[in-house]
């Protein structure tokens, strides 16, 4: 899509940043929403957000970015919030990720 025709490009950066922060805080609060389920449904998760902020110029490394998004170090997140993935969740995630190929 031509970026001139993309209405998101007209969104003020302050508004976009506020919405992004609200999304991250929401995901920090809703730790019951597992990354594997987010990936299976939408093709992205908290770790993707961490990668995206790095791609956008965040100066920290991968772990710094994940800690920022998770609200804690990723090892702590995994130990206290993450549950083991089932075969069904993994299959759904793989199918969902395949839809991301157009990006």
PDB file of N, CA and C in Angstrom:
ATOM      1  N   UNK A   1       0.849  -1.188   0.000  1.00  0.00           N
ATOM      2  CA  UNK A   1       0.000   0.000   0.000  1.00  0.00           C
ATOM      3  C   UNK A   1       0.885   1.237   0.000  1.00  0.00           C
ATOM      4  N   UNK A   2       0.521   2.205  -0.744  1.00  0.00           N
ATOM      5  CA  UNK A   2       1.234   3.475  -0.777  1.00  0.00           C
ATOM      6  C   UNK A   2       1.099   4.152   0.580  1.00  0.00           C
ATOM      7  N   UNK A   3       2.225   4.535   1.186  1.00  0.00           N
ATOM      8  CA  UNK A   3       2.187   5.130   2.528  1.00  0.00           C
ATOM      9  C   UNK A   3       1.401   6.442   2.549  1.00  0.00           C
ATOM     10  N   UNK A   4       1.318   7.141   1.409  1.00  0.00           N
ATOM     11  CA  UNK A   4       0.532   8.377   1.358  1.00  0.00           C
ATOM     12  C   UNK A   4      -0.960   8.088   1.499  1.00  0.00           C
ATOM     13  N   UNK A   5      -1.377   6.896   1.117  1.00  0.00           N
ATOM     14  CA  UNK A   5      -2.784   6.528   1.206  1.00  0.00           C
ATOM     15  C   UNK A   5      -3.102   5.797   2.508  1.00  0.00           C
ATOM     16  N   UNK A   6      -2.098   5.519   3.316  1.00  0.00           N
ATOM     17  CA  UNK A   6      -2.279   4.774   4.556  1.00  0.00           C
ATOM     18  C   UNK A   6      -2.705   5.726   5.672  1.00  0.00           C
ATOM     19  N   UNK A   7      -3.917   5.612   6.171  1.00  0.00           N
ATOM     20  CA  UNK A   7      -4.385   6.524   7.205  1.00  0.00           C
ATOM     21  C   UNK A   7      -3.562   6.436   8.503  1.00  0.00           C
ATOM     22  N   UNK A   8      -2.904   5.317   8.722  1.00  0.00           N
ATOM     23  CA  UNK A   8      -2.055   5.214   9.920  1.00  0.00           C
ATOM     24  C   UNK A   8      -0.901   6.214   9.883  1.00  0.00           C
ATOM     25  N   UNK A   9      -0.450   6.526   8.686  1.00  0.00           N
ATOM     26  CA  UNK A   9       0.642   7.493   8.563  1.00  0.00           C
ATOM     27  C   UNK A   9       0.215   8.887   9.002  1.00  0.00           C
ATOM     28  N   UNK A  10      -1.083   9.159   8.973  1.00  0.00           N
ATOM     29  CA  UNK A  10      -1.603  10.462   9.395  1.00  0.00           C
ATOM     30  C   UNK A  10      -1.819  10.526  10.912  1.00  0.00           C
ATOM     31  N   UNK A  11      -1.742   9.378  11.572  1.00  0.00           N
ATOM     32  CA  UNK A  11      -1.924   9.346  13.029  1.00  0.00           C
ATOM     33  C   UNK A  11      -0.762  10.057  13.700  1.00  0.00           C
ATOM     34  N   UNK A  12      -1.078  10.965  14.591  1.00  0.00           N
ATOM     35  CA  UNK A  12      -0.060  11.707  15.318  1.00  0.00           C
ATOM     36  C   UNK A  12       0.817  10.745  16.122  1.00  0.00           C
ATOM     37  N   UNK A  13       2.133  10.974  16.119  1.00  0.00           N
ATOM     38  CA  UNK A  13       3.056  10.091  16.834  1.00  0.00           C
ATOM     39  C   UNK A  13       2.762  10.026  18.325  1.00  0.00           C
ATOM     40  N   UNK A  14       2.293  11.112  18.910  1.00  0.00           N
ATOM     41  CA  UNK A  14       1.952  11.089  20.345  1.00  0.00           C
ATOM     42  C   UNK A  14       0.776  10.164  20.599  1.00  0.00           C
ATOM     43  N   UNK A  15      -0.204  10.196  19.720  1.00  0.00           N
ATOM     44  CA  UNK A  15      -1.357   9.313  19.865  1.00  0.00           C
ATOM     45  C   UNK A  15      -0.944   7.856  19.670  1.00  0.00           C
ATOM     46  N   UNK A  16      -0.137   7.617  18.666  1.00  0.00           N
ATOM     47  CA  UNK A  16       0.331   6.256  18.405  1.00  0.00           C
ATOM     48  C   UNK A  16       1.158   5.734  19.582  1.00  0.00           C
ATOM     49  N   UNK A  17       2.016   6.573  20.122  1.00  0.00           N
ATOM     50  CA  UNK A  17       2.841   6.164  21.261  1.00  0.00           C
ATOM     51  C   UNK A  17       1.984   5.883  22.487  1.00  0.00           C
ATOM     52  N   UNK A  18       0.980   6.707  22.725  1.00  0.00           N
ATOM     53  CA  UNK A  18       0.084   6.496  23.865  1.00  0.00           C
ATOM     54  C   UNK A  18      -0.679   5.179  23.708  1.00  0.00           C
ATOM     55  N   UNK A  19      -1.141   4.885  22.500  1.00  0.00           N
ATOM     56  CA  UNK A  19      -1.854   3.640  22.253  1.00  0.00           C
ATOM     57  C   UNK A  19      -0.925   2.442  22.423  1.00  0.00           C
ATOM     58  N   UNK A  20       0.303   2.565  21.951  1.00  0.00           N
ATOM     59  CA  UNK A  20       1.279   1.485  22.101  1.00  0.00           C
ATOM     60  C   UNK A  20       1.558   1.222  23.581  1.00  0.00           C
ATOM     61  N   UNK A  21       1.768   2.277  24.350  1.00  0.00           N
ATOM     62  CA  UNK A  21       2.022   2.096  25.782  1.00  0.00           C
ATOM     63  C   UNK A  21       0.826   1.457  26.480  1.00  0.00           C
ATOM     64  N   UNK A  22      -0.369   1.843  26.080  1.00  0.00           N
ATOM     65  CA  UNK A  22      -1.565   1.243  26.670  1.00  0.00           C
ATOM     66  C   UNK A  22      -1.636  -0.244  26.327  1.00  0.00           C
ATOM     67  N   UNK A  23      -1.323  -0.601  25.092  1.00  0.00           N
ATOM     68  CA  UNK A  23      -1.304  -2.002  24.693  1.00  0.00           C
ATOM     69  C   UNK A  23      -0.299  -2.785  25.528  1.00  0.00           C
ATOM     70  N   UNK A  24       0.902  -2.262  25.679  1.00  0.00           N
ATOM     71  CA  UNK A  24       1.938  -2.960  26.452  1.00  0.00           C
ATOM     72  C   UNK A  24       1.504  -3.115  27.906  1.00  0.00           C
ATOM     73  N   UNK A  25       0.970  -2.064  28.498  1.00  0.00           N
ATOM     74  CA  UNK A  25       0.507  -2.166  29.893  1.00  0.00           C
ATOM     75  C   UNK A  25      -0.639  -3.167  30.023  1.00  0.00           C
ATOM     76  N   UNK A  26      -1.515  -3.190  29.045  1.00  0.00           N
ATOM     77  CA  UNK A  26      -2.613  -4.154  29.049  1.00  0.00           C
ATOM     78  C   UNK A  26      -2.051  -5.580  29.024  1.00  0.00           C
ATOM     79  N   UNK A  27      -1.076  -5.838  28.156  1.00  0.00           N
ATOM     80  CA  UNK A  27      -0.481  -7.167  28.078  1.00  0.00           C
ATOM     81  C   UNK A  27       0.302  -7.516  29.341  1.00  0.00           C
ATOM     82  N   UNK A  28       0.914  -6.520  29.984  1.00  0.00           N
ATOM     83  CA  UNK A  28       1.601  -6.780  31.250  1.00  0.00           C
ATOM     84  C   UNK A  28       0.590  -7.179  32.330  1.00  0.00           C
ATOM     85  N   UNK A  29      -0.568  -6.545  32.315  1.00  0.00           N
ATOM     86  CA  UNK A  29      -1.614  -6.859  33.281  1.00  0.00           C
ATOM     87  C   UNK A  29      -2.257  -8.220  32.986  1.00  0.00           C
ATOM     88  N   UNK A  30      -2.475  -8.510  31.715  1.00  0.00           N
ATOM     89  CA  UNK A  30      -3.167  -9.736  31.313  1.00  0.00           C
ATOM     90  C   UNK A  30      -2.176 -10.860  31.015  1.00  0.00           C
ATOM     91  N   UNK A  31      -1.415 -11.223  32.033  1.00  0.00           N
ATOM     92  CA  UNK A  31      -0.442 -12.293  31.844  1.00  0.00           C
ATOM     93  C   UNK A  31      -1.114 -13.638  31.600  1.00  0.00           C
ATOM     94  N   UNK A  32      -2.437 -13.713  31.834  1.00  0.00           N
ATOM     95  CA  UNK A  32      -3.159 -14.941  31.496  1.00  0.00           C
ATOM     96  C   UNK A  32      -3.254 -15.136  29.986  1.00  0.00           C
ATOM     97  N   UNK A  33      -3.074 -14.072  29.225  1.00  0.00           N
ATOM     98  CA  UNK A  33      -3.038 -14.176  27.763  1.00  0.00           C
ATOM     99  C   UNK A  33      -1.635 -14.633  27.380  1.00  0.00           C
ATOM    100  N   UNK A  34      -1.483 -15.922  27.169  1.00  0.00           N
ATOM    101  CA  UNK A  34      -0.185 -16.506  26.892  1.00  0.00           C
ATOM    102  C   UNK A  34       0.332 -16.088  25.512  1.00  0.00           C
ATOM    103  N   UNK A  35       1.643 -15.938  25.397  1.00  0.00           N
ATOM    104  CA  UNK A  35       2.246 -15.588  24.111  1.00  0.00           C
ATOM    105  C   UNK A  35       1.868 -16.591  23.026  1.00  0.00           C
ATOM    106  N   UNK A  36       1.872 -17.874  23.366  1.00  0.00           N
ATOM    107  CA  UNK A  36       1.549 -18.894  22.363  1.00  0.00           C
ATOM    108  C   UNK A  36       0.125 -18.714  21.843  1.00  0.00           C
ATOM    109  N   UNK A  37      -0.795 -18.312  22.715  1.00  0.00           N
ATOM    110  CA  UNK A  37      -2.175 -18.078  22.278  1.00  0.00           C
ATOM    111  C   UNK A  37      -2.285 -16.807  21.445  1.00  0.00           C
ATOM    112  N   UNK A  38      -1.551 -15.760  21.835  1.00  0.00           N
ATOM    113  CA  UNK A  38      -1.524 -14.542  21.028  1.00  0.00           C
ATOM    114  C   UNK A  38      -0.990 -14.844  19.636  1.00  0.00           C
ATOM    115  N   UNK A  39       0.081 -15.637  19.568  1.00  0.00           N
ATOM    116  CA  UNK A  39       0.660 -16.001  18.273  1.00  0.00           C
ATOM    117  C   UNK A  39      -0.331 -16.812  17.448  1.00  0.00           C
ATOM    118  N   UNK A  40      -1.028 -17.737  18.098  1.00  0.00           N
ATOM    119  CA  UNK A  40      -1.979 -18.581  17.382  1.00  0.00           C
ATOM    120  C   UNK A  40      -3.172 -17.819  16.836  1.00  0.00           C
ATOM    121  N   UNK A  41      -3.552 -16.779  17.537  1.00  0.00           N
ATOM    122  CA  UNK A  41      -4.710 -15.996  17.119  1.00  0.00           C
ATOM    123  C   UNK A  41      -4.340 -14.861  16.168  1.00  0.00           C
ATOM    124  N   UNK A  42      -3.268 -14.147  16.515  1.00  0.00           N
ATOM    125  CA  UNK A  42      -2.972 -12.908  15.790  1.00  0.00           C
ATOM    126  C   UNK A  42      -1.640 -12.907  15.042  1.00  0.00           C
ATOM    127  N   UNK A  43      -0.811 -13.898  15.279  1.00  0.00           N
ATOM    128  CA  UNK A  43       0.477 -13.944  14.591  1.00  0.00           C
ATOM    129  C   UNK A  43       1.525 -13.028  15.184  1.00  0.00           C
ATOM    130  N   UNK A  44       1.278 -12.491  16.385  1.00  0.00           N
ATOM    131  CA  UNK A  44       2.294 -11.713  17.085  1.00  0.00           C
ATOM    132  C   UNK A  44       2.081 -11.872  18.582  1.00  0.00           C
ATOM    133  N   UNK A  45       3.136 -11.572  19.335  1.00  0.00           N
ATOM    134  CA  UNK A  45       3.061 -11.681  20.792  1.00  0.00           C
ATOM    135  C   UNK A  45       3.954 -10.607  21.421  1.00  0.00           C
ATOM    136  N   UNK A  46       4.136 -10.705  22.710  1.00  0.00           N
ATOM    137  CA  UNK A  46       4.971  -9.742  23.429  1.00  0.00           C
ATOM    138  C   UNK A  46       6.398  -9.723  22.879  1.00  0.00           C
ATOM    139  N   UNK A  47       6.929 -10.905  22.561  1.00  0.00           N
ATOM    140  CA  UNK A  47       8.292 -10.961  22.034  1.00  0.00           C
ATOM    141  C   UNK A  47       8.383 -10.276  20.672  1.00  0.00           C
ATOM    142  N   UNK A  48       7.329 -10.378  19.883  1.00  0.00           N
ATOM    143  CA  UNK A  48       7.299  -9.675  18.600  1.00  0.00           C
ATOM    144  C   UNK A  48       7.349  -8.167  18.829  1.00  0.00           C
ATOM    145  N   UNK A  49       6.564  -7.677  19.797  1.00  0.00           N
ATOM    146  CA  UNK A  49       6.600  -6.250  20.114  1.00  0.00           C
ATOM    147  C   UNK A  49       8.005  -5.816  20.493  1.00  0.00           C
ATOM    148  N   UNK A  50       8.700  -6.655  21.259  1.00  0.00           N
ATOM    149  CA  UNK A  50      10.079  -6.347  21.638  1.00  0.00           C
ATOM    150  C   UNK A  50      10.967  -6.271  20.395  1.00  0.00           C
ATOM    151  N   UNK A  51      10.789  -7.200  19.476  1.00  0.00           N
ATOM    152  CA  UNK A  51      11.564  -7.169  18.227  1.00  0.00           C
ATOM    153  C   UNK A  51      11.236  -5.918  17.424  1.00  0.00           C
ATOM    154  N   UNK A  52       9.961  -5.555  17.389  1.00  0.00           N
ATOM    155  CA  UNK A  52       9.539  -4.392  16.601  1.00  0.00           C
ATOM    156  C   UNK A  52      10.115  -3.092  17.156  1.00  0.00           C
ATOM    157  N   UNK A  53      10.199  -2.965  18.476  1.00  0.00           N
ATOM    158  CA  UNK A  53      10.784  -1.725  19.003  1.00  0.00           C
ATOM    159  C   UNK A  53      12.273  -1.679  18.716  1.00  0.00           C
ATOM    160  N   UNK A  54      12.934  -2.835  18.709  1.00  0.00           N
ATOM    161  CA  UNK A  54      14.344  -2.860  18.328  1.00  0.00           C
ATOM    162  C   UNK A  54      14.510  -2.472  16.866  1.00  0.00           C
ATOM    163  N   UNK A  55      13.635  -2.998  16.007  1.00  0.00           N
ATOM    164  CA  UNK A  55      13.678  -2.655  14.580  1.00  0.00           C
ATOM    165  C   UNK A  55      13.422  -1.170  14.350  1.00  0.00           C
ATOM    166  N   UNK A  56      12.673  -0.557  15.267  1.00  0.00           N
ATOM    167  CA  UNK A  56      12.355   0.870  15.155  1.00  0.00           C
ATOM    168  C   UNK A  56      13.441   1.760  15.753  1.00  0.00           C
ATOM    169  N   UNK A  57      14.503   1.146  16.292  1.00  0.00           N
ATOM    170  CA  UNK A  57      15.628   1.932  16.791  1.00  0.00           C
ATOM    171  C   UNK A  57      15.866   1.888  18.285  1.00  0.00           C
ATOM    172  N   UNK A  58      15.107   1.080  19.027  1.00  0.00           N
ATOM    173  CA  UNK A  58      15.354   0.949  20.471  1.00  0.00           C
ATOM    174  C   UNK A  58      16.802   0.516  20.669  1.00  0.00           C
ATOM    175  N   UNK A  59      17.554   1.226  21.525  1.00  0.00           N
ATOM    176  CA  UNK A  59      18.990   0.960  21.629  1.00  0.00           C
ATOM    177  C   UNK A  59      19.369  -0.279  22.436  1.00  0.00           C
ATOM    178  N   UNK A  60      18.440  -0.846  23.187  1.00  0.00           N
ATOM    179  CA  UNK A  60      18.761  -2.008  24.004  1.00  0.00           C
ATOM    180  C   UNK A  60      18.869  -3.280  23.189  1.00  0.00           C
ATOM    181  N   UNK A  61      19.422  -4.309  23.830  1.00  0.00           N
ATOM    182  CA  UNK A  61      19.511  -5.604  23.164  1.00  0.00           C
ATOM    183  C   UNK A  61      18.180  -6.344  23.280  1.00  0.00           C
ATOM    184  N   UNK A  62      18.148  -7.560  22.773  1.00  0.00           N
ATOM    185  CA  UNK A  62      16.911  -8.336  22.735  1.00  0.00           C
ATOM    186  C   UNK A  62      16.329  -8.524  24.139  1.00  0.00           C
ATOM    187  N   UNK A  63      17.162  -8.843  25.096  1.00  0.00           N
ATOM    188  CA  UNK A  63      16.691  -9.050  26.470  1.00  0.00           C
ATOM    189  C   UNK A  63      16.169  -7.755  27.083  1.00  0.00           C
ATOM    190  N   UNK A  64      16.859  -6.651  26.846  1.00  0.00           N
ATOM    191  CA  UNK A  64      16.378  -5.350  27.337  1.00  0.00           C
ATOM    192  C   UNK A  64      14.995  -5.036  26.782  1.00  0.00           C
ATOM    193  N   UNK A  65      14.822  -5.281  25.493  1.00  0.00           N
ATOM    194  CA  UNK A  65      13.534  -4.994  24.847  1.00  0.00           C
ATOM    195  C   UNK A  65      12.433  -5.890  25.411  1.00  0.00           C
ATOM    196  N   UNK A  66      12.748  -7.160  25.609  1.00  0.00           N
ATOM    197  CA  UNK A  66      11.737  -8.067  26.174  1.00  0.00           C
ATOM    198  C   UNK A  66      11.376  -7.674  27.601  1.00  0.00           C
ATOM    199  N   UNK A  67      12.363  -7.296  28.388  1.00  0.00           N
ATOM    200  CA  UNK A  67      12.081  -6.871  29.769  1.00  0.00           C
ATOM    201  C   UNK A  67      11.197  -5.630  29.772  1.00  0.00           C
ATOM    202  N   UNK A  68      11.429  -4.728  28.843  1.00  0.00           N
ATOM    203  CA  UNK A  68      10.599  -3.532  28.746  1.00  0.00           C
ATOM    204  C   UNK A  68       9.148  -3.905  28.436  1.00  0.00           C
ATOM    205  N   UNK A  69       8.949  -4.791  27.491  1.00  0.00           N
ATOM    206  CA  UNK A  69       7.602  -5.188  27.091  1.00  0.00           C
ATOM    207  C   UNK A  69       6.944  -6.068  28.154  1.00  0.00           C
ATOM    208  N   UNK A  70       7.675  -7.014  28.703  1.00  0.00           N
ATOM    209  CA  UNK A  70       7.112  -7.921  29.712  1.00  0.00           C
ATOM    210  C   UNK A  70       6.933  -7.241  31.070  1.00  0.00           C
ATOM    211  N   UNK A  71       7.684  -6.193  31.314  1.00  0.00           N
ATOM    212  CA  UNK A  71       7.630  -5.541  32.618  1.00  0.00           C
ATOM    213  C   UNK A  71       8.519  -6.223  33.640  1.00  0.00           C
ATOM    214  N   UNK A  72       9.350  -7.136  33.181  1.00  0.00           N
ATOM    215  CA  UNK A  72      10.285  -7.877  34.034  1.00  0.00           C
ATOM    216  C   UNK A  72      11.243  -8.643  33.113  1.00  0.00           C
ATOM    217  N   UNK A  73      12.361  -9.126  33.642  1.00  0.00           N
ATOM    218  CA  UNK A  73      13.258  -9.928  32.800  1.00  0.00           C
ATOM    219  C   UNK A  73      12.517 -11.134  32.205  1.00  0.00           C
ATOM    220  N   UNK A  74      12.856 -11.507  30.993  1.00  0.00           N
ATOM    221  CA  UNK A  74      12.126 -12.588  30.326  1.00  0.00           C
ATOM    222  C   UNK A  74      12.258 -13.910  31.076  1.00  0.00           C
ATOM    223  N   UNK A  75      13.369 -14.161  31.737  1.00  0.00           N
ATOM    224  CA  UNK A  75      13.508 -15.395  32.520  1.00  0.00           C
ATOM    225  C   UNK A  75      12.498 -15.423  33.665  1.00  0.00           C
ATOM    226  N   UNK A  76      12.288 -14.281  34.295  1.00  0.00           N
ATOM    227  CA  UNK A  76      11.292 -14.197  35.362  1.00  0.00           C
ATOM    228  C   UNK A  76       9.885 -14.389  34.791  1.00  0.00           C
ATOM    229  N   UNK A  77       9.629 -13.768  33.636  1.00  0.00           N
ATOM    230  CA  UNK A  77       8.330 -13.930  32.978  1.00  0.00           C
ATOM    231  C   UNK A  77       8.058 -15.410  32.719  1.00  0.00           C
ATOM    232  N   UNK A  78       9.036 -16.091  32.119  1.00  0.00           N
ATOM    233  CA  UNK A  78       8.853 -17.506  31.793  1.00  0.00           C
ATOM    234  C   UNK A  78       8.599 -18.340  33.044  1.00  0.00           C
ATOM    235  N   UNK A  79       9.335 -18.043  34.111  1.00  0.00           N
ATOM    236  CA  UNK A  79       9.211 -18.823  35.344  1.00  0.00           C
ATOM    237  C   UNK A  79       7.894 -18.572  36.075  1.00  0.00           C
ATOM    238  N   UNK A  80       7.361 -17.374  35.978  1.00  0.00           N
ATOM    239  CA  UNK A  80       6.191 -17.023  36.789  1.00  0.00           C
ATOM    240  C   UNK A  80       4.896 -16.871  35.998  1.00  0.00           C
ATOM    241  N   UNK A  81       4.974 -16.739  34.692  1.00  0.00           N
ATOM    242  CA  UNK A  81       3.777 -16.446  33.898  1.00  0.00           C
ATOM    243  C   UNK A  81       3.501 -17.429  32.757  1.00  0.00           C
ATOM    244  N   UNK A  82       4.552 -18.010  32.213  1.00  0.00           N
ATOM    245  CA  UNK A  82       4.389 -18.824  31.016  1.00  0.00           C
ATOM    246  C   UNK A  82       4.063 -20.266  31.380  1.00  0.00           C
ATOM    247  N   UNK A  83       3.089 -20.816  30.670  1.00  0.00           N
ATOM    248  CA  UNK A  83       2.741 -22.217  30.849  1.00  0.00           C
ATOM    249  C   UNK A  83       3.256 -23.015  29.651  1.00  0.00           C
ATOM    250  N   UNK A  84       3.466 -24.324  29.825  1.00  0.00           N
ATOM    251  CA  UNK A  84       3.943 -25.133  28.692  1.00  0.00           C
ATOM    252  C   UNK A  84       2.936 -25.122  27.547  1.00  0.00           C
ATOM    253  N   UNK A  85       3.441 -25.059  26.333  1.00  0.00           N
ATOM    254  CA  UNK A  85       2.586 -25.050  25.144  1.00  0.00           C
ATOM    255  C   UNK A  85       2.146 -26.467  24.811  1.00  0.00           C
ATOM    256  N   UNK A  86       0.900 -26.575  24.389  1.00  0.00           N
ATOM    257  CA  UNK A  86       0.379 -27.867  23.937  1.00  0.00           C
ATOM    258  C   UNK A  86       0.666 -28.033  22.446  1.00  0.00           C
ATOM    259  N   UNK A  87       0.525 -29.251  21.970  1.00  0.00           N
ATOM    260  CA  UNK A  87       0.698 -29.503  20.534  1.00  0.00           C
ATOM    261  C   UNK A  87      -0.319 -28.704  19.719  1.00  0.00           C
ATOM    262  N   UNK A  88      -1.540 -28.608  20.230  1.00  0.00           N
ATOM    263  CA  UNK A  88      -2.590 -27.850  19.537  1.00  0.00           C
ATOM    264  C   UNK A  88      -2.213 -26.368  19.449  1.00  0.00           C
ATOM    265  N   UNK A  89      -1.700 -25.793  20.536  1.00  0.00           N
ATOM    266  CA  UNK A  89      -1.277 -24.384  20.527  1.00  0.00           C
ATOM    267  C   UNK A  89      -0.137 -24.170  19.544  1.00  0.00           C
ATOM    268  N   UNK A  90       0.828 -25.084  19.532  1.00  0.00           N
ATOM    269  CA  UNK A  90       1.963 -24.958  18.613  1.00  0.00           C
ATOM    270  C   UNK A  90       1.508 -25.040  17.162  1.00  0.00           C
ATOM    271  N   UNK A  91       0.589 -25.952  16.870  1.00  0.00           N
ATOM    272  CA  UNK A  91       0.086 -26.078  15.498  1.00  0.00           C
ATOM    273  C   UNK A  91      -0.667 -24.824  15.083  1.00  0.00           C
ATOM    274  N   UNK A  92      -1.486 -24.296  15.980  1.00  0.00           N
ATOM    275  CA  UNK A  92      -2.230 -23.074  15.664  1.00  0.00           C
ATOM    276  C   UNK A  92      -1.278 -21.903  15.437  1.00  0.00           C
ATOM    277  N   UNK A  93      -0.204 -21.819  16.243  1.00  0.00           N
ATOM    278  CA  UNK A  93       0.779 -20.762  16.078  1.00  0.00           C
ATOM    279  C   UNK A  93       1.457 -20.861  14.711  1.00  0.00           C
ATOM    280  N   UNK A  94       1.857 -22.060  14.332  1.00  0.00           N
ATOM    281  CA  UNK A  94       2.525 -22.249  13.036  1.00  0.00           C
ATOM    282  C   UNK A  94       1.615 -21.823  11.882  1.00  0.00           C
ATOM    283  N   UNK A  95       0.358 -22.202  11.958  1.00  0.00           N
ATOM    284  CA  UNK A  95      -0.600 -21.820  10.903  1.00  0.00           C
ATOM    285  C   UNK A  95      -0.793 -20.309  10.872  1.00  0.00           C
ATOM    286  N   UNK A  96      -0.819 -19.700  12.032  1.00  0.00           N
ATOM    287  CA  UNK A  96      -1.006 -18.244  12.116  1.00  0.00           C
ATOM    288  C   UNK A  96       0.214 -17.515  11.567  1.00  0.00           C
ATOM    289  N   UNK A  97       1.391 -17.987  11.936  1.00  0.00           N
ATOM    290  CA  UNK A  97       2.630 -17.355  11.465  1.00  0.00           C
ATOM    291  C   UNK A  97       2.727 -17.415   9.949  1.00  0.00           C
ATOM    292  N   UNK A  98       2.253 -18.500   9.371  1.00  0.00           N
ATOM    293  CA  UNK A  98       2.290 -18.638   7.911  1.00  0.00           C
ATOM    294  C   UNK A  98       1.515 -17.515   7.225  1.00  0.00           C
ATOM    295  N   UNK A  99       0.490 -17.010   7.884  1.00  0.00           N
ATOM    296  CA  UNK A  99      -0.286 -15.907   7.314  1.00  0.00           C
ATOM    297  C   UNK A  99       0.487 -14.592   7.344  1.00  0.00           C
ATOM    298  N   UNK A 100       1.538 -14.517   8.145  1.00  0.00           N
ATOM    299  CA  UNK A 100       2.341 -13.292   8.242  1.00  0.00           C
ATOM    300  C   UNK A 100       3.286 -13.118   7.056  1.00  0.00           C
ATOM    301  N   UNK A 101       3.430 -14.092   6.225  1.00  0.00           N
ATOM    302  CA  UNK A 101       4.405 -14.049   5.137  1.00  0.00           C
ATOM    303  C   UNK A 101       4.243 -12.838   4.222  1.00  0.00           C
ATOM    304  N   UNK A 102       3.056 -12.278   4.127  1.00  0.00           N
ATOM    305  CA  UNK A 102       2.846 -11.147   3.231  1.00  0.00           C
ATOM    306  C   UNK A 102       3.452  -9.859   3.763  1.00  0.00           C
ATOM    307  N   UNK A 103       3.847  -9.805   5.032  1.00  0.00           N
ATOM    308  CA  UNK A 103       4.371  -8.554   5.609  1.00  0.00           C
ATOM    309  C   UNK A 103       5.713  -8.197   5.014  1.00  0.00           C
TER     310      UNK A 103
END
